[in-house]
Protein backbone atom coordinates (compact mmCIF):
# COMPACT_ATOMS: atom_id res chain seq x y z
CA MET A 1 27.49 45.37 -42.64
CA ARG A 2 25.23 42.82 -42.01
CA ARG A 3 28.09 40.32 -42.20
CA ASP A 4 30.54 41.96 -39.95
CA PHE A 5 27.65 42.16 -37.23
CA LEU A 6 27.34 38.70 -37.56
CA THR A 7 30.84 37.86 -37.44
CA LYS A 8 32.40 40.48 -35.30
CA ASN A 9 33.06 39.85 -31.56
CA ILE A 10 31.66 35.83 -32.42
CA GLY A 11 33.10 34.68 -29.22
CA LEU A 12 31.51 36.63 -26.94
CA LYS A 13 28.33 35.72 -28.88
CA ILE A 14 28.66 32.39 -28.16
CA ALA A 15 29.82 32.44 -24.76
CA SER A 16 26.52 34.80 -24.23
CA LEU A 17 24.42 32.11 -25.85
CA ILE A 18 26.09 29.57 -23.73
CA LEU A 19 25.20 31.54 -20.53
CA ALA A 20 21.66 32.27 -21.72
CA VAL A 21 20.83 28.47 -22.13
CA THR A 22 22.54 27.54 -18.67
CA LEU A 23 20.57 30.24 -16.88
CA TRP A 24 17.44 28.83 -18.74
CA PHE A 25 18.00 25.26 -17.37
CA PHE A 26 18.86 26.71 -13.96
CA VAL A 27 15.58 28.26 -13.88
CA ILE A 28 13.47 25.25 -14.71
CA LEU A 29 15.09 22.79 -12.91
CA SER A 30 15.50 25.02 -9.93
CA GLY A 31 13.45 23.71 -6.97
CA ARG A 32 13.09 20.27 -8.60
CA SER A 33 13.72 17.03 -6.86
CA GLY A 34 12.75 13.26 -6.82
CA ILE A 35 11.07 10.72 -4.60
CA VAL A 36 10.93 6.79 -4.72
CA ILE A 37 7.28 5.59 -3.66
CA ASP A 38 5.60 2.23 -3.96
CA ILE A 39 1.97 2.74 -5.67
CA PRO A 40 -1.06 0.44 -5.59
CA VAL A 41 -1.50 -1.82 -9.08
CA MET A 42 -5.40 -1.12 -10.49
CA TYR A 43 -6.59 -3.93 -12.59
CA VAL A 44 -9.48 -2.81 -14.80
CA ASN A 45 -11.90 -4.03 -17.18
CA ILE A 46 -11.71 -7.50 -16.04
CA PRO A 47 -14.02 -9.69 -18.03
CA PRO A 48 -16.90 -11.42 -15.64
CA GLU A 49 -16.23 -14.61 -15.90
CA LEU A 50 -12.75 -14.62 -15.08
CA GLU A 51 -10.57 -13.85 -11.96
CA VAL A 52 -7.40 -12.85 -11.11
CA VAL A 53 -5.75 -14.87 -8.92
CA ASP A 54 -2.01 -14.21 -8.42
CA PHE A 55 -1.03 -10.45 -9.14
CA PRO A 56 1.51 -7.94 -7.42
CA LYS A 57 -0.35 -5.21 -5.71
CA THR A 58 2.14 -2.72 -5.80
CA VAL A 59 5.12 -1.49 -8.12
CA ARG A 60 7.82 1.07 -7.05
CA ILE A 61 8.50 4.28 -9.12
CA ASN A 62 10.64 7.10 -9.12
CA VAL A 63 8.87 10.71 -9.13
CA GLU A 64 10.35 13.98 -10.46
CA GLY A 65 9.20 17.37 -10.33
CA GLN A 66 9.04 20.44 -8.32
CA GLU A 67 9.72 19.80 -4.84
CA ARG A 68 6.06 21.68 -3.63
CA LEU A 69 4.35 19.32 -5.55
CA LEU A 70 6.10 15.97 -4.67
CA LYS A 71 5.60 17.06 -0.99
CA GLY A 72 1.77 17.78 -1.70
CA LEU A 73 1.30 14.51 -3.08
CA LYS A 74 -1.65 12.07 -1.81
CA GLN A 75 -1.60 8.52 -2.10
CA ASP A 76 -5.17 8.92 -4.08
CA ASP A 77 -3.07 11.03 -6.74
CA ILE A 78 -1.19 8.16 -8.09
CA SER A 79 -1.44 4.34 -9.07
CA ALA A 80 -0.93 2.01 -11.89
CA GLU A 81 -3.86 0.79 -13.95
CA ILE A 82 -3.54 -1.90 -16.41
CA ASN A 83 -6.54 -2.91 -18.71
CA LEU A 84 -7.26 -6.47 -18.44
CA GLN A 85 -10.03 -6.35 -20.96
CA ASP A 86 -8.29 -8.95 -23.64
CA VAL A 87 -6.93 -10.75 -20.46
CA LYS A 88 -6.58 -14.85 -21.16
CA THR A 89 -7.06 -17.73 -18.87
CA GLY A 90 -3.54 -18.88 -17.51
CA ARG A 91 -0.47 -16.77 -17.06
CA ASN A 92 0.07 -13.23 -18.47
CA PHE A 93 2.32 -10.91 -18.53
CA TYR A 94 2.27 -6.72 -19.25
CA SER A 95 4.83 -4.17 -19.91
CA LEU A 96 4.51 -0.77 -17.41
CA THR A 97 5.47 2.64 -18.95
CA SER A 98 4.75 5.93 -17.54
CA GLU A 99 1.14 5.87 -19.79
CA ASN A 100 -0.07 3.39 -17.33
CA ILE A 101 0.80 5.69 -14.46
CA LYS A 102 -1.88 8.12 -13.00
CA LEU A 103 0.00 10.99 -11.84
CA PRO A 104 -0.75 14.63 -11.38
CA ARG A 105 0.59 16.13 -15.07
CA PRO A 106 3.56 18.34 -13.83
CA LEU A 107 5.59 15.47 -12.46
CA ASN A 108 7.21 12.99 -14.61
CA VAL A 109 7.99 9.06 -13.89
CA THR A 110 11.69 8.31 -14.44
CA ASN A 111 11.59 4.83 -13.61
CA ILE A 112 9.42 1.71 -12.73
CA GLU A 113 10.32 -1.11 -11.11
CA PRO A 114 9.65 -3.97 -12.20
CA GLN A 115 9.09 -2.85 -15.66
CA THR A 116 7.18 -5.96 -16.46
CA ILE A 117 4.57 -7.91 -14.21
CA SER A 118 3.04 -11.55 -14.45
CA LEU A 119 -0.24 -12.32 -13.43
CA THR A 120 -2.65 -15.83 -13.78
CA VAL A 121 -6.02 -15.56 -14.63
CA GLU A 122 -8.70 -18.41 -13.86
CA LYS A 123 -12.15 -18.94 -15.11
CA GLN A 124 -14.57 -18.37 -12.10
CA PHE A 125 -16.33 -21.51 -10.34
CA SER A 126 -19.33 -22.00 -7.98
CA LYS A 127 -20.27 -24.74 -5.68
CA SER A 128 -22.53 -25.24 -2.85
CA VAL A 129 -20.57 -25.68 0.36
CA PHE A 130 -21.74 -25.99 4.16
CA VAL A 131 -21.54 -23.33 6.94
CA GLN A 132 -19.92 -24.35 9.73
CA PRO A 133 -20.21 -22.34 13.45
CA ALA A 134 -16.78 -21.62 14.99
CA ILE A 135 -17.66 -22.34 18.78
CA GLU A 136 -15.34 -21.19 21.40
CA GLY A 137 -15.58 -21.71 25.19
CA LEU A 138 -17.60 -23.70 27.18
CA PRO A 139 -21.17 -23.54 28.80
CA GLU A 140 -21.68 -22.32 32.21
CA ARG A 141 -20.98 -25.75 34.56
CA GLY A 142 -23.95 -27.91 34.71
CA TYR A 143 -24.87 -27.29 31.24
CA VAL A 144 -24.41 -28.83 27.48
CA ILE A 145 -24.94 -27.84 24.15
CA PHE A 146 -27.50 -30.61 22.90
CA GLU A 147 -28.28 -28.57 19.29
CA ILE A 148 -26.82 -26.13 17.05
CA ARG A 149 -28.69 -25.09 14.26
CA VAL A 150 -27.55 -22.69 11.51
CA GLU A 151 -29.71 -20.99 8.40
CA PRO A 152 -29.01 -21.45 5.83
CA GLU A 153 -27.11 -24.59 6.60
CA THR A 154 -25.37 -24.31 3.04
CA LEU A 155 -24.41 -21.36 0.77
CA VAL A 156 -23.19 -21.33 -2.60
CA LEU A 157 -19.27 -20.14 -2.77
CA GLU A 158 -17.91 -18.37 -6.25
CA GLY A 159 -14.56 -18.01 -7.00
CA PRO A 160 -11.39 -19.21 -8.96
CA ARG A 161 -11.38 -22.57 -9.46
CA SER A 162 -8.28 -23.62 -8.22
CA ILE A 163 -9.38 -22.01 -4.71
CA VAL A 164 -13.13 -23.07 -4.62
CA SER A 165 -12.34 -26.61 -5.52
CA LYS A 166 -10.61 -27.27 -2.51
CA ILE A 167 -13.27 -26.01 0.39
CA GLN A 168 -15.59 -27.83 1.88
CA ASN A 169 -17.37 -25.88 4.33
CA VAL A 170 -17.20 -21.94 4.99
CA LYS A 171 -16.67 -21.00 8.79
CA THR A 172 -18.47 -18.35 10.82
CA GLU A 173 -16.82 -15.61 13.04
CA PRO A 174 -15.80 -16.93 16.12
CA ILE A 175 -18.91 -17.31 18.71
CA ASP A 176 -17.80 -17.57 22.35
CA ILE A 177 -20.31 -19.41 24.66
CA SER A 178 -18.12 -19.05 27.77
CA GLY A 179 -20.68 -19.55 30.73
CA LEU A 180 -23.72 -20.12 28.64
CA ASN A 181 -26.96 -20.98 30.51
CA ARG A 182 -29.33 -20.52 28.25
CA ASP A 183 -30.61 -20.78 24.43
CA LEU A 184 -28.29 -18.21 22.19
CA ARG A 185 -29.56 -16.90 18.84
CA TYR A 186 -26.88 -15.14 16.98
CA LYS A 187 -26.63 -13.25 13.49
CA ALA A 188 -22.82 -14.45 12.77
CA LYS A 189 -20.57 -13.01 9.80
CA LEU A 190 -18.87 -15.27 7.63
CA ASN A 191 -15.15 -15.64 8.02
CA LEU A 192 -14.05 -16.38 4.09
CA PRO A 193 -10.78 -17.81 3.96
CA ASN A 194 -9.73 -15.96 0.62
CA PRO A 195 -10.46 -12.40 -0.20
CA SER A 196 -11.10 -13.50 -3.85
CA LEU A 197 -14.39 -15.66 -2.99
CA LYS A 198 -17.63 -14.14 -2.93
CA THR A 199 -21.21 -15.43 -1.92
CA SER A 200 -24.73 -13.90 -1.80
CA VAL A 201 -24.83 -14.76 1.95
CA GLN A 202 -22.97 -12.12 4.60
CA LYS A 203 -24.38 -13.24 7.60
CA VAL A 204 -26.07 -16.52 8.80
CA ASP A 205 -28.09 -17.11 11.93
CA VAL A 206 -26.68 -19.66 14.31
CA HIS A 207 -29.33 -20.98 17.30
CA ILE A 208 -27.25 -22.52 20.11
CA LEU A 209 -29.56 -24.95 22.32
CA VAL A 210 -28.16 -25.80 25.64
CA LYS A 211 -29.85 -27.77 28.54
CA GLN A 212 -28.84 -28.14 32.34
CA ILE A 213 -27.94 -31.52 33.40
CA LYS A 214 -28.18 -33.21 36.48
């Protein structure tokens, strides 16, 4: 009796099984969609004596999941993270997988482009450089600048050796003296030529002295 039950109408049973599996996949996949998005690459655990100087800022990924979740996806919800704890000076290569991608759990990464990224790491370097005021414009007619004082005159610049070693001075933000007819004291921001550079001084005092000429 049991054997007859298993073999009787076997074709119908197989067809019913296929139909059930098909319906299951339809329910699971219903409402799913995919997007292609550029996401930022975050470099973490960089040794304090090293500096990353040449690196990709974004990678492109394909994300698949429920359409309503994709529509609600925010930029802060997704990023690529690379651990540089064991990085060495010179050129380094890292392979990216879904494990490197920070993403809400119900969503899946189906592709990463590029899958391998390269970056260059250098030792940090520091040296003292002069501060140069960036003066724009001319004083009022009949007046001239006879002295410019900067405090501090020099500062210590830190960053990758290949960048710091080429810098002789750091300019301030533009200081417009058009029509100036009296002494000016101005607290100017520094205009660092590269975002990887650092200094403990954020602003300098610029004292511009003018005098009237006959």
